[in-house]
N, C-alpha and C. Protein backbone atom coordinates (compact mmCIF):
# COMPACT_ATOMS: atom_id res chain seq x y z
N LEU A 1 20.09 -47.17 -20.51
CA LEU A 1 19.13 -46.47 -21.29
C LEU A 1 17.79 -46.40 -20.60
N GLU A 2 17.42 -47.32 -19.91
CA GLU A 2 16.25 -47.18 -18.96
C GLU A 2 16.47 -46.17 -17.91
N GLN A 3 17.63 -46.11 -17.43
CA GLN A 3 18.01 -45.10 -16.26
C GLN A 3 17.82 -43.76 -16.80
N ALA A 4 18.55 -43.51 -18.09
CA ALA A 4 18.53 -42.30 -18.76
C ALA A 4 16.92 -41.71 -19.01
N GLU A 5 16.20 -42.81 -19.54
CA GLU A 5 14.70 -42.19 -19.88
C GLU A 5 14.13 -41.90 -18.58
N LYS A 6 14.31 -42.60 -17.46
CA LYS A 6 13.67 -42.19 -16.21
C LYS A 6 14.15 -40.78 -15.84
N ASN A 7 15.38 -40.46 -16.03
CA ASN A 7 15.89 -39.18 -15.54
C ASN A 7 15.23 -38.08 -16.49
N LEU A 8 15.22 -38.38 -17.72
CA LEU A 8 14.52 -37.48 -18.52
C LEU A 8 12.99 -37.22 -18.21
N ALA A 9 12.30 -38.24 -17.93
CA ALA A 9 11.03 -38.15 -17.51
C ALA A 9 10.83 -37.35 -16.15
N ALA A 10 11.77 -37.45 -15.30
CA ALA A 10 11.67 -36.76 -14.07
C ALA A 10 11.83 -35.27 -14.33
N LEU A 11 12.46 -34.92 -15.49
CA LEU A 11 12.51 -33.36 -15.60
C LEU A 11 11.16 -32.76 -16.01
N THR A 12 10.12 -33.52 -16.31
CA THR A 12 8.88 -32.94 -16.76
C THR A 12 8.04 -33.07 -15.53
N LEU A 13 7.40 -31.85 -15.20
CA LEU A 13 6.51 -31.76 -14.15
C LEU A 13 5.13 -31.62 -14.70
N THR A 14 4.10 -32.15 -14.17
CA THR A 14 2.69 -31.97 -14.40
C THR A 14 1.96 -31.31 -13.46
N SER A 15 1.19 -30.40 -13.68
CA SER A 15 0.38 -29.54 -12.75
C SER A 15 -0.75 -30.36 -12.31
N PRO A 16 -1.02 -30.41 -10.88
CA PRO A 16 -2.13 -31.17 -10.54
C PRO A 16 -3.53 -30.46 -10.84
N GLY A 17 -3.48 -29.42 -11.31
CA GLY A 17 -4.81 -28.74 -11.80
C GLY A 17 -4.65 -27.51 -12.71
N ASP A 18 -5.60 -27.01 -13.12
CA ASP A 18 -5.53 -25.89 -14.15
C ASP A 18 -5.27 -24.51 -13.30
N GLY A 19 -4.73 -23.66 -13.99
CA GLY A 19 -4.58 -22.26 -13.47
C GLY A 19 -3.59 -21.54 -14.16
N ILE A 20 -3.01 -20.38 -13.66
CA ILE A 20 -2.02 -19.50 -14.35
C ILE A 20 -0.83 -19.76 -13.53
N ILE A 21 0.28 -20.07 -14.17
CA ILE A 21 1.66 -20.39 -13.62
C ILE A 21 2.23 -18.99 -13.26
N THR A 22 2.92 -18.79 -12.04
CA THR A 22 3.76 -17.68 -11.73
C THR A 22 5.03 -18.01 -11.31
N MET A 23 5.96 -17.40 -11.97
CA MET A 23 7.37 -17.58 -11.89
C MET A 23 7.88 -16.88 -10.61
N LEU A 24 8.56 -17.61 -9.66
CA LEU A 24 9.02 -16.96 -8.37
C LEU A 24 10.38 -16.39 -8.47
N PRO A 25 10.70 -15.51 -7.58
CA PRO A 25 11.85 -14.63 -7.47
C PRO A 25 13.18 -15.69 -7.19
N ASN A 26 14.22 -15.43 -8.17
CA ASN A 26 15.42 -16.00 -8.01
C ASN A 26 16.46 -15.30 -7.12
N SER A 27 16.40 -15.67 -5.93
CA SER A 27 17.27 -14.65 -4.97
C SER A 27 18.59 -14.72 -5.31
N ARG A 28 19.21 -15.74 -5.89
CA ARG A 28 20.62 -15.74 -6.38
C ARG A 28 21.03 -14.92 -7.51
N ALA A 29 19.98 -14.35 -8.11
CA ALA A 29 20.12 -13.48 -9.35
C ALA A 29 19.89 -12.08 -8.82
N ARG A 30 19.83 -11.77 -7.66
CA ARG A 30 19.72 -10.31 -7.28
C ARG A 30 20.92 -9.57 -7.51
N THR A 31 20.68 -8.25 -8.00
CA THR A 31 21.76 -7.42 -8.48
C THR A 31 22.60 -6.90 -7.36
N SER A 32 22.12 -6.65 -6.12
CA SER A 32 22.79 -6.24 -4.98
C SER A 32 22.13 -6.68 -3.82
N ILE A 33 22.93 -6.60 -2.72
CA ILE A 33 22.36 -7.08 -1.33
C ILE A 33 21.20 -6.04 -0.89
N ILE A 34 21.61 -4.80 -0.91
CA ILE A 34 20.66 -3.69 -0.35
C ILE A 34 20.02 -3.06 -1.43
N GLY A 35 18.61 -3.05 -1.63
CA GLY A 35 17.84 -2.32 -2.46
C GLY A 35 17.97 -2.93 -3.94
N GLY A 36 18.55 -4.04 -4.19
CA GLY A 36 18.66 -4.65 -5.49
C GLY A 36 17.33 -5.31 -5.89
N ALA A 37 17.21 -5.35 -7.12
CA ALA A 37 15.91 -6.03 -7.63
C ALA A 37 16.16 -7.56 -7.70
N THR A 38 15.11 -8.39 -7.45
CA THR A 38 15.21 -9.73 -7.42
C THR A 38 14.28 -10.26 -8.54
N PRO A 39 15.05 -10.75 -9.69
CA PRO A 39 14.28 -11.05 -10.80
C PRO A 39 13.70 -12.56 -10.73
N SER A 40 12.68 -12.74 -11.51
CA SER A 40 11.97 -14.14 -11.45
C SER A 40 12.90 -15.09 -12.16
N PHE A 41 12.59 -16.43 -11.97
CA PHE A 41 13.33 -17.37 -12.61
C PHE A 41 12.96 -17.34 -14.17
N LYS A 42 13.96 -17.56 -14.94
CA LYS A 42 13.63 -17.59 -16.45
C LYS A 42 14.48 -18.78 -17.08
N GLU A 43 14.10 -19.03 -18.36
CA GLU A 43 14.75 -20.18 -19.02
C GLU A 43 16.25 -20.03 -19.11
N GLY A 44 16.95 -20.96 -18.64
CA GLY A 44 18.39 -20.97 -18.60
C GLY A 44 19.02 -20.65 -17.29
N ASP A 45 18.21 -20.34 -16.41
CA ASP A 45 18.76 -20.09 -14.97
C ASP A 45 19.09 -21.40 -14.32
N ARG A 46 20.17 -21.29 -13.54
CA ARG A 46 20.61 -22.56 -12.87
C ARG A 46 19.90 -22.64 -11.49
N ALA A 47 19.23 -23.79 -11.36
CA ALA A 47 18.37 -23.92 -10.21
C ALA A 47 19.32 -24.54 -9.04
N TYR A 48 18.89 -24.46 -7.93
CA TYR A 48 19.80 -25.05 -6.76
C TYR A 48 18.63 -25.88 -5.90
N ALA A 49 19.28 -26.74 -5.04
CA ALA A 49 18.50 -27.66 -4.31
C ALA A 49 17.52 -26.92 -3.37
N GLY A 50 16.24 -27.29 -3.46
CA GLY A 50 15.10 -26.77 -2.59
C GLY A 50 14.58 -25.46 -3.20
N ALA A 51 15.03 -24.98 -4.21
CA ALA A 51 14.49 -23.74 -4.88
C ALA A 51 13.06 -23.87 -5.26
N ALA A 52 12.23 -23.00 -4.98
CA ALA A 52 10.85 -22.90 -5.45
C ALA A 52 11.01 -22.08 -6.72
N ILE A 53 10.61 -22.78 -7.89
CA ILE A 53 10.66 -22.00 -9.26
C ILE A 53 9.43 -21.42 -9.75
N ALA A 54 8.37 -22.18 -9.58
CA ALA A 54 7.07 -21.64 -10.11
C ALA A 54 5.91 -22.11 -9.17
N GLU A 55 4.71 -21.58 -9.19
CA GLU A 55 3.59 -22.09 -8.48
C GLU A 55 2.40 -21.77 -9.40
N ILE A 56 1.32 -22.38 -9.07
CA ILE A 56 -0.08 -22.16 -9.61
C ILE A 56 -1.03 -21.92 -8.45
N PRO A 57 -1.12 -20.49 -8.18
CA PRO A 57 -1.87 -20.12 -6.92
C PRO A 57 -3.38 -20.38 -7.12
N ASP A 58 -4.07 -20.72 -6.02
CA ASP A 58 -5.47 -20.92 -5.88
C ASP A 58 -6.09 -19.50 -5.80
N MET A 59 -6.79 -19.07 -6.95
CA MET A 59 -7.31 -17.83 -7.04
C MET A 59 -8.46 -17.54 -6.26
N SER A 60 -9.05 -18.77 -5.61
CA SER A 60 -10.16 -18.60 -4.80
C SER A 60 -9.73 -18.18 -3.33
N THR A 61 -8.47 -18.29 -3.03
CA THR A 61 -8.00 -17.79 -1.75
C THR A 61 -7.02 -16.71 -1.92
N ILE A 62 -7.02 -15.95 -2.92
CA ILE A 62 -6.25 -14.76 -3.17
C ILE A 62 -6.18 -13.71 -1.94
N HIS A 63 -4.90 -13.25 -1.61
CA HIS A 63 -4.90 -12.23 -0.67
C HIS A 63 -3.72 -11.41 -0.97
N ALA A 64 -3.67 -10.21 -0.08
CA ALA A 64 -2.73 -9.26 -0.36
C ALA A 64 -1.69 -9.28 0.72
N THR A 65 -0.54 -8.85 0.56
CA THR A 65 0.52 -8.92 1.64
C THR A 65 1.33 -7.56 1.57
N ALA A 66 1.63 -6.92 2.57
CA ALA A 66 2.31 -5.64 2.72
C ALA A 66 3.22 -5.51 3.97
N PRO A 67 4.21 -4.73 3.99
CA PRO A 67 4.97 -4.57 5.21
C PRO A 67 4.42 -3.55 6.04
N VAL A 68 4.57 -3.70 7.33
CA VAL A 68 4.01 -2.72 8.22
C VAL A 68 5.23 -2.36 9.22
N TYR A 69 5.68 -1.20 9.15
CA TYR A 69 6.64 -0.67 9.93
C TYR A 69 6.54 -0.63 11.38
N GLU A 70 7.67 -0.62 12.26
CA GLU A 70 7.50 -0.61 13.68
C GLU A 70 6.74 0.40 14.17
N ALA A 71 6.78 1.68 13.56
CA ALA A 71 6.03 2.81 14.04
C ALA A 71 4.57 2.67 14.04
N ASP A 72 4.01 1.78 13.10
CA ASP A 72 2.57 1.70 12.78
C ASP A 72 2.02 0.42 13.41
N ARG A 73 2.93 -0.45 13.87
CA ARG A 73 2.62 -1.91 14.25
C ARG A 73 1.53 -1.77 15.32
N GLY A 74 1.65 -0.89 16.38
CA GLY A 74 0.83 -0.75 17.55
C GLY A 74 -0.57 -0.32 17.26
N ARG A 75 -0.84 0.16 15.91
CA ARG A 75 -2.20 0.72 15.50
C ARG A 75 -2.87 -0.30 14.64
N VAL A 76 -2.23 -1.36 14.36
CA VAL A 76 -2.71 -2.41 13.24
C VAL A 76 -3.21 -3.60 14.13
N ALA A 77 -4.41 -4.17 13.90
CA ALA A 77 -5.01 -5.22 14.44
C ALA A 77 -5.80 -6.11 13.61
N LEU A 78 -5.82 -7.27 13.93
CA LEU A 78 -6.72 -8.31 13.13
C LEU A 78 -8.21 -7.84 12.96
N GLY A 79 -8.77 -8.10 11.78
CA GLY A 79 -10.12 -7.73 11.63
C GLY A 79 -10.32 -6.30 11.07
N GLN A 80 -9.43 -5.44 11.12
CA GLN A 80 -9.51 -3.98 10.64
C GLN A 80 -9.72 -4.01 9.19
N PRO A 81 -10.71 -3.06 8.79
CA PRO A 81 -11.01 -3.04 7.26
C PRO A 81 -9.90 -2.32 6.57
N VAL A 82 -9.57 -2.83 5.28
CA VAL A 82 -8.53 -2.36 4.46
C VAL A 82 -9.16 -2.16 3.08
N THR A 83 -8.69 -0.91 2.43
CA THR A 83 -9.06 -0.68 1.04
C THR A 83 -7.75 -0.79 0.24
N LEU A 84 -8.03 -1.50 -0.81
CA LEU A 84 -6.76 -1.79 -1.82
C LEU A 84 -6.99 -1.05 -3.16
N ASN A 85 -5.99 -0.40 -3.48
CA ASN A 85 -5.99 0.21 -4.99
C ASN A 85 -4.95 -0.49 -5.65
N ILE A 86 -5.40 -1.27 -6.71
CA ILE A 86 -4.75 -2.33 -7.45
C ILE A 86 -4.32 -1.57 -8.79
N GLU A 87 -3.09 -1.46 -9.21
CA GLU A 87 -2.70 -0.65 -10.38
C GLU A 87 -3.24 -1.36 -11.58
N ALA A 88 -3.26 -2.68 -11.75
CA ALA A 88 -3.85 -3.30 -12.88
C ALA A 88 -5.38 -3.47 -13.04
N VAL A 89 -5.95 -3.05 -11.99
CA VAL A 89 -7.56 -2.98 -11.94
C VAL A 89 -7.83 -1.56 -11.25
N PRO A 90 -7.72 -0.53 -11.98
CA PRO A 90 -7.81 0.87 -11.23
C PRO A 90 -9.28 1.30 -11.32
N ASP A 91 -10.21 0.56 -11.82
CA ASP A 91 -11.62 1.19 -11.95
C ASP A 91 -12.37 1.21 -10.63
N LYS A 92 -11.87 0.40 -9.75
CA LYS A 92 -12.61 0.34 -8.48
C LYS A 92 -11.70 0.15 -7.20
N GLU A 93 -12.21 0.41 -5.99
CA GLU A 93 -11.40 0.16 -4.76
C GLU A 93 -11.86 -1.20 -4.28
N HIS A 94 -10.89 -2.12 -3.92
CA HIS A 94 -11.11 -3.48 -3.41
C HIS A 94 -11.08 -3.27 -1.74
N LYS A 95 -11.97 -4.15 -1.40
CA LYS A 95 -12.25 -4.11 0.16
C LYS A 95 -11.58 -5.53 0.76
N GLY A 96 -11.23 -5.31 1.89
CA GLY A 96 -10.72 -6.49 2.61
C GLY A 96 -10.51 -6.40 4.17
N ARG A 97 -9.97 -7.19 4.81
CA ARG A 97 -9.73 -7.14 6.19
C ARG A 97 -8.42 -7.81 6.54
N VAL A 98 -7.70 -7.25 7.58
CA VAL A 98 -6.37 -7.79 8.16
C VAL A 98 -6.72 -9.23 8.57
N SER A 99 -6.13 -10.12 8.10
CA SER A 99 -6.22 -11.46 8.50
C SER A 99 -5.24 -12.03 9.25
N ASP A 100 -3.94 -11.43 9.07
CA ASP A 100 -2.82 -12.02 9.92
C ASP A 100 -1.62 -10.93 9.96
N ILE A 101 -0.90 -10.98 10.99
CA ILE A 101 0.23 -9.99 11.28
C ILE A 101 1.34 -10.87 11.72
N SER A 102 2.37 -10.82 11.25
CA SER A 102 3.57 -11.64 11.72
C SER A 102 3.97 -11.30 13.17
N THR A 103 4.53 -12.32 13.95
CA THR A 103 4.69 -11.99 15.36
C THR A 103 6.04 -11.44 15.30
N LEU A 104 6.98 -11.83 14.51
CA LEU A 104 8.35 -11.23 14.62
C LEU A 104 8.62 -10.28 13.44
N ALA A 105 9.51 -9.31 13.76
CA ALA A 105 9.91 -8.35 12.63
C ALA A 105 10.87 -8.91 11.95
N ARG A 106 11.13 -8.42 10.62
CA ARG A 106 12.17 -8.81 9.82
C ARG A 106 12.94 -7.66 9.20
N LEU A 107 14.06 -7.70 8.90
CA LEU A 107 14.77 -6.56 8.20
C LEU A 107 14.21 -6.31 6.67
N ASP A 108 13.92 -5.13 6.43
CA ASP A 108 13.31 -4.72 5.16
C ASP A 108 14.59 -4.18 4.31
N TYR A 109 15.14 -4.92 3.28
CA TYR A 109 16.07 -4.38 2.55
C TYR A 109 15.83 -3.63 1.28
N SER A 110 14.51 -3.43 1.18
CA SER A 110 13.95 -2.61 0.18
C SER A 110 14.15 -0.98 0.26
N THR A 111 14.56 -0.66 1.51
CA THR A 111 14.81 0.81 1.81
C THR A 111 16.31 0.89 2.27
N TYR A 112 16.82 1.99 2.21
CA TYR A 112 18.13 2.35 2.89
C TYR A 112 18.10 3.75 3.58
N PRO A 113 18.31 3.82 4.92
CA PRO A 113 18.87 2.63 5.70
C PRO A 113 17.68 1.55 5.90
N THR A 114 18.12 0.32 6.07
CA THR A 114 17.12 -0.73 6.37
C THR A 114 16.35 -0.49 7.58
N ARG A 115 15.05 -1.03 7.47
CA ARG A 115 14.17 -0.90 8.76
C ARG A 115 13.52 -2.27 8.95
N LYS A 116 13.07 -2.33 10.13
CA LYS A 116 12.25 -3.60 10.51
C LYS A 116 10.73 -3.38 10.16
N SER A 117 10.28 -4.53 9.61
CA SER A 117 8.82 -4.39 9.41
C SER A 117 8.13 -5.89 9.68
N PHE A 118 6.83 -5.75 9.92
CA PHE A 118 6.01 -6.99 10.15
C PHE A 118 5.19 -7.20 8.78
N ASP A 119 5.03 -8.58 8.61
CA ASP A 119 4.30 -8.91 7.31
C ASP A 119 2.97 -8.86 7.69
N LEU A 120 2.02 -7.97 6.79
CA LEU A 120 0.62 -7.95 7.10
C LEU A 120 -0.05 -8.72 6.01
N LYS A 121 -1.04 -9.52 6.16
CA LYS A 121 -1.90 -10.37 5.28
C LYS A 121 -3.26 -9.77 5.27
N VAL A 122 -3.83 -9.51 4.15
CA VAL A 122 -5.29 -9.17 3.91
C VAL A 122 -6.03 -10.09 3.17
N GLN A 123 -7.11 -10.55 3.72
CA GLN A 123 -8.02 -11.30 2.89
C GLN A 123 -9.13 -10.46 2.40
N LEU A 124 -9.26 -10.56 0.92
CA LEU A 124 -10.22 -9.81 0.13
C LEU A 124 -11.69 -10.19 0.35
N ASP A 125 -12.60 -9.33 0.58
CA ASP A 125 -14.10 -9.71 0.68
C ASP A 125 -14.45 -10.37 -0.36
N GLN A 126 -14.44 -9.54 -1.59
CA GLN A 126 -15.07 -10.23 -2.93
C GLN A 126 -13.86 -10.10 -3.78
N PRO A 127 -13.08 -11.13 -4.10
CA PRO A 127 -12.08 -10.98 -5.08
C PRO A 127 -12.48 -10.85 -6.45
N ASP A 128 -11.80 -9.93 -7.22
CA ASP A 128 -12.28 -9.62 -8.63
C ASP A 128 -11.69 -10.75 -9.42
N ALA A 129 -12.30 -11.12 -10.42
CA ALA A 129 -11.88 -12.05 -11.36
C ALA A 129 -10.74 -11.74 -12.18
N ARG A 130 -10.50 -10.41 -12.35
CA ARG A 130 -9.43 -9.95 -13.11
C ARG A 130 -8.04 -9.94 -12.37
N LEU A 131 -7.99 -10.26 -10.99
CA LEU A 131 -6.88 -10.20 -10.25
C LEU A 131 -5.96 -11.42 -10.48
N ARG A 132 -4.73 -11.17 -10.42
CA ARG A 132 -3.67 -12.15 -10.71
C ARG A 132 -2.68 -12.05 -9.65
N ALA A 133 -1.87 -13.19 -9.43
CA ALA A 133 -0.94 -13.22 -8.30
C ALA A 133 0.32 -12.31 -8.88
N GLY A 134 0.86 -11.65 -7.89
CA GLY A 134 1.92 -10.80 -8.11
C GLY A 134 1.61 -9.25 -8.48
N MET A 135 0.29 -9.02 -8.57
CA MET A 135 -0.02 -7.61 -8.95
C MET A 135 0.32 -6.61 -8.01
N THR A 136 0.70 -5.46 -8.20
CA THR A 136 1.05 -4.33 -7.21
C THR A 136 -0.25 -3.66 -6.70
N ALA A 137 -0.23 -3.42 -5.33
CA ALA A 137 -1.37 -2.83 -4.81
C ALA A 137 -0.84 -1.87 -3.63
N ALA A 138 -1.74 -0.82 -3.49
CA ALA A 138 -1.47 0.10 -2.43
C ALA A 138 -2.68 -0.17 -1.31
N LEU A 139 -2.22 -0.36 -0.15
CA LEU A 139 -3.19 -0.73 0.85
C LEU A 139 -3.35 0.41 1.99
N ARG A 140 -4.57 0.47 2.36
CA ARG A 140 -4.85 1.64 3.33
C ARG A 140 -5.76 0.99 4.57
N VAL A 141 -5.21 0.95 5.57
CA VAL A 141 -5.76 0.25 6.71
C VAL A 141 -6.49 1.16 7.59
N GLU A 142 -7.85 0.87 7.93
CA GLU A 142 -8.51 1.75 8.67
C GLU A 142 -8.44 1.40 10.25
N VAL A 143 -7.63 2.13 10.87
CA VAL A 143 -7.18 1.90 12.26
C VAL A 143 -8.18 2.48 13.26
N GLU A 144 -8.96 3.43 12.67
CA GLU A 144 -9.91 4.11 13.65
C GLU A 144 -10.96 4.87 12.87
N ARG A 145 -12.25 4.88 13.35
CA ARG A 145 -13.29 5.59 12.56
C ARG A 145 -13.84 6.76 13.55
N VAL A 146 -13.98 7.88 12.98
CA VAL A 146 -14.37 9.06 13.67
C VAL A 146 -15.73 9.58 13.11
N ALA A 147 -16.71 9.49 13.80
CA ALA A 147 -18.12 10.03 13.22
C ALA A 147 -18.17 11.39 12.97
N ASP A 148 -18.83 11.95 11.90
CA ASP A 148 -19.18 13.14 11.58
C ASP A 148 -17.99 14.21 11.57
N SER A 149 -16.90 13.39 10.81
CA SER A 149 -15.61 14.19 10.76
C SER A 149 -15.49 14.83 9.44
N ILE A 150 -14.55 15.84 9.46
CA ILE A 150 -14.19 16.42 8.15
C ILE A 150 -12.76 16.41 7.96
N ILE A 151 -12.40 15.83 6.71
CA ILE A 151 -10.95 15.58 6.40
C ILE A 151 -10.52 16.52 5.30
N ILE A 152 -9.42 17.23 5.36
CA ILE A 152 -8.95 18.01 4.20
C ILE A 152 -7.56 17.66 4.06
N PRO A 153 -6.99 18.02 2.87
CA PRO A 153 -5.60 17.79 2.71
C PRO A 153 -4.68 18.67 3.53
N VAL A 154 -3.54 18.09 4.01
CA VAL A 154 -2.62 19.01 4.92
C VAL A 154 -2.15 20.22 4.17
N GLU A 155 -2.24 20.23 2.92
CA GLU A 155 -1.67 21.43 2.15
C GLU A 155 -2.74 22.64 2.31
N ALA A 156 -3.93 22.25 2.70
CA ALA A 156 -4.95 23.29 2.99
C ALA A 156 -4.79 23.82 4.43
N VAL A 157 -3.94 23.40 5.38
CA VAL A 157 -3.77 23.87 6.61
C VAL A 157 -2.49 24.83 6.60
N PHE A 158 -2.67 26.01 7.20
CA PHE A 158 -1.51 26.97 7.18
C PHE A 158 -1.29 27.36 8.62
N ASP A 159 0.02 27.61 8.97
CA ASP A 159 0.33 27.94 10.27
C ASP A 159 0.56 29.49 10.17
N LYS A 160 -0.28 30.31 10.91
CA LYS A 160 -0.20 31.74 10.98
C LYS A 160 0.08 32.31 12.44
N GLY A 161 1.26 32.30 12.74
CA GLY A 161 1.69 32.76 14.09
C GLY A 161 1.28 31.66 15.21
N GLY A 162 1.41 30.54 14.89
CA GLY A 162 0.93 29.40 15.92
C GLY A 162 -0.50 29.08 15.69
N ARG A 163 -1.45 29.73 14.97
CA ARG A 163 -2.61 29.45 14.69
C ARG A 163 -2.80 28.60 13.38
N MET A 164 -3.64 27.56 13.57
CA MET A 164 -3.86 26.63 12.31
C MET A 164 -5.02 27.19 11.59
N VAL A 165 -4.95 27.71 10.40
CA VAL A 165 -6.04 28.36 9.58
C VAL A 165 -6.21 27.69 8.28
N ALA A 166 -7.26 27.81 7.77
CA ALA A 166 -7.67 27.41 6.30
C ALA A 166 -8.29 28.63 5.67
N TYR A 167 -8.10 28.63 4.33
CA TYR A 167 -8.88 29.66 3.49
C TYR A 167 -10.00 29.14 2.73
N VAL A 168 -11.30 29.57 3.17
CA VAL A 168 -12.50 29.07 2.63
C VAL A 168 -13.04 30.01 1.60
N LEU A 169 -13.37 29.36 0.39
CA LEU A 169 -13.87 30.09 -0.74
C LEU A 169 -15.31 30.59 -0.51
N VAL A 170 -15.61 31.82 -0.34
CA VAL A 170 -16.91 32.41 -0.14
C VAL A 170 -17.17 33.52 -1.12
N ASP A 171 -18.23 33.39 -1.93
CA ASP A 171 -18.62 34.52 -2.84
C ASP A 171 -17.47 35.02 -3.80
N GLY A 172 -16.57 34.08 -4.11
CA GLY A 172 -15.47 34.37 -5.14
C GLY A 172 -14.30 34.90 -4.44
N SER A 173 -14.09 34.87 -3.17
CA SER A 173 -12.94 35.29 -2.39
C SER A 173 -12.75 34.44 -1.19
N TYR A 174 -11.52 34.25 -0.69
CA TYR A 174 -11.12 33.45 0.40
C TYR A 174 -11.26 34.16 1.79
N GLN A 175 -11.70 33.46 2.70
CA GLN A 175 -11.91 34.06 4.03
C GLN A 175 -10.96 33.04 4.94
N GLU A 176 -10.34 33.63 5.84
CA GLU A 176 -9.48 32.89 6.82
C GLU A 176 -10.32 32.37 8.00
N ARG A 177 -10.16 31.10 8.15
CA ARG A 177 -10.79 30.51 9.23
C ARG A 177 -9.87 29.62 10.25
N MET A 178 -9.95 30.00 11.59
CA MET A 178 -9.07 29.26 12.45
C MET A 178 -9.78 27.68 12.67
N LEU A 179 -8.88 26.83 12.62
CA LEU A 179 -9.11 25.34 12.79
C LEU A 179 -8.58 24.76 13.95
N ARG A 180 -9.47 23.83 14.30
CA ARG A 180 -8.87 22.90 15.40
C ARG A 180 -8.59 21.62 14.86
N ILE A 181 -7.35 21.21 14.77
CA ILE A 181 -6.77 19.83 14.06
C ILE A 181 -6.76 18.80 15.23
N VAL A 182 -7.37 17.62 14.99
CA VAL A 182 -7.35 16.66 15.83
C VAL A 182 -6.20 15.62 15.61
N ARG A 183 -6.11 15.31 14.26
CA ARG A 183 -5.12 14.46 13.86
C ARG A 183 -4.48 14.79 12.53
N ARG A 184 -3.34 14.20 12.29
CA ARG A 184 -2.72 14.31 10.99
C ARG A 184 -2.28 12.94 10.46
N SER A 185 -2.55 12.44 9.23
CA SER A 185 -2.19 11.07 8.95
C SER A 185 -2.18 10.89 7.43
N GLY A 186 -1.16 10.48 6.78
CA GLY A 186 -1.24 10.13 5.38
C GLY A 186 -1.55 11.26 4.40
N GLY A 187 -1.10 12.53 4.76
CA GLY A 187 -1.45 13.67 3.88
C GLY A 187 -2.72 14.24 4.19
N GLN A 188 -3.47 13.83 5.27
CA GLN A 188 -4.72 14.46 5.29
C GLN A 188 -4.81 14.96 7.03
N ALA A 189 -5.66 15.96 7.20
CA ALA A 189 -5.91 16.43 8.49
C ALA A 189 -7.36 16.27 8.87
N LEU A 190 -7.59 15.96 10.15
CA LEU A 190 -8.94 15.52 10.66
C LEU A 190 -9.28 16.96 11.49
N VAL A 191 -10.40 17.72 10.97
CA VAL A 191 -10.69 18.90 11.47
C VAL A 191 -11.95 18.75 12.52
N ALA A 192 -11.79 19.28 13.75
CA ALA A 192 -12.74 19.19 14.75
C ALA A 192 -13.60 20.27 14.65
N SER A 193 -13.18 21.62 14.36
CA SER A 193 -13.99 22.67 14.17
C SER A 193 -13.31 23.69 13.25
N GLY A 194 -14.24 24.67 12.63
CA GLY A 194 -13.71 25.65 11.83
C GLY A 194 -14.24 25.53 10.40
N LEU A 195 -14.66 24.31 9.96
CA LEU A 195 -15.22 24.13 8.71
C LEU A 195 -16.50 23.39 8.59
N LYS A 196 -17.19 23.56 7.59
CA LYS A 196 -18.50 22.80 7.32
C LYS A 196 -18.35 21.86 6.25
N PRO A 197 -19.07 20.75 6.10
CA PRO A 197 -19.03 19.83 5.13
C PRO A 197 -19.39 20.50 3.80
N GLY A 198 -18.70 20.28 2.73
CA GLY A 198 -18.86 20.64 1.32
C GLY A 198 -18.25 22.17 1.07
N GLU A 199 -17.71 22.77 2.04
CA GLU A 199 -16.86 23.95 1.83
C GLU A 199 -15.54 23.72 1.11
N ARG A 200 -15.23 24.77 0.18
CA ARG A 200 -14.10 24.51 -0.54
C ARG A 200 -12.85 25.41 0.06
N VAL A 201 -11.77 24.69 0.09
CA VAL A 201 -10.64 25.40 0.76
C VAL A 201 -9.41 25.45 -0.29
N ALA A 202 -8.60 26.54 -0.03
CA ALA A 202 -7.40 26.71 -0.99
C ALA A 202 -6.30 25.79 -0.58
N LEU A 203 -5.53 25.35 -1.53
CA LEU A 203 -4.42 24.42 -1.29
C LEU A 203 -3.04 25.25 -1.20
N LYS A 204 -3.29 26.54 -1.58
CA LYS A 204 -1.99 27.48 -1.57
C LYS A 204 -2.54 28.62 -0.80
N ASP A 205 -1.66 29.37 -0.16
CA ASP A 205 -1.90 30.40 0.75
C ASP A 205 -2.31 31.63 -0.16
N PRO A 206 -3.56 32.08 -0.30
CA PRO A 206 -3.88 33.09 -1.15
C PRO A 206 -3.35 34.63 -0.65
N THR A 207 -2.95 34.66 0.59
CA THR A 207 -2.45 36.01 1.01
C THR A 207 -1.08 36.35 0.59
N LEU A 208 -0.48 35.20 -0.04
CA LEU A 208 0.97 35.51 -0.48
C LEU A 208 0.91 36.33 -1.87
N ASN A 209 -0.18 35.90 -2.69
CA ASN A 209 -0.48 36.79 -3.82
C ASN A 209 -0.78 38.27 -3.62
N GLU A 210 -1.58 38.44 -2.47
CA GLU A 210 -1.98 39.85 -2.18
C GLU A 210 -0.63 40.49 -1.68
N THR A 211 0.20 39.98 -0.87
CA THR A 211 1.44 40.53 -0.44
C THR A 211 2.37 41.06 -1.70
N ARG A 212 2.49 40.16 -2.67
CA ARG A 212 3.32 40.31 -3.98
C ARG A 212 2.66 41.61 -4.74
N ASN A 213 1.28 41.50 -4.78
CA ASN A 213 0.65 42.66 -5.57
C ASN A 213 0.87 44.09 -4.89
N LYS A 214 0.84 44.17 -3.58
CA LYS A 214 1.13 45.34 -2.81
C LYS A 214 2.49 45.84 -3.01
N GLN A 215 3.42 44.91 -3.20
CA GLN A 215 4.88 45.19 -3.26
C GLN A 215 5.05 45.83 -4.73
């Protein structure tokens, strides 16, 4: 009886401090090897030796993690500024810095075909009190800063016989301007010349409508 009571008592765990409990993924409950979702532990699941089932994170040291693929690894370095957009707290952008990058790459099974990626860790500058462990975030790492630059969407850049042009709204009509594009990244184009700050550009080629009207 004493042994049975000890065994029952051992099944109850007491947290060493206050906090919000987070259930961890149960890898043995994954629906498929490639691209399958990994559900969290729930009541009734069979635990296995050494399995981490739950945790109470220290919110004062909260950080963000994300994969960095091989093509981008050479441009990312410790200390670079990071902007985070968090789905559950959409009313502001969160700031942080790259605090750690894994030395070795690992296979990322979330995509097919599988790719290798490095684990990126970001330390937040001023963690919001509304943040919770496990929230989804989109991270944008600032790998370089170009002074006095103009950035426009790539949809506003058109190839006209090998010339890169944009259509600028002037007095109610669009004027064609030749551009010199320095870089393209993440759906944006860095313009070295051809535009002025504040000018409005077309996201669709306005000359296509003129051609249809003539026909």
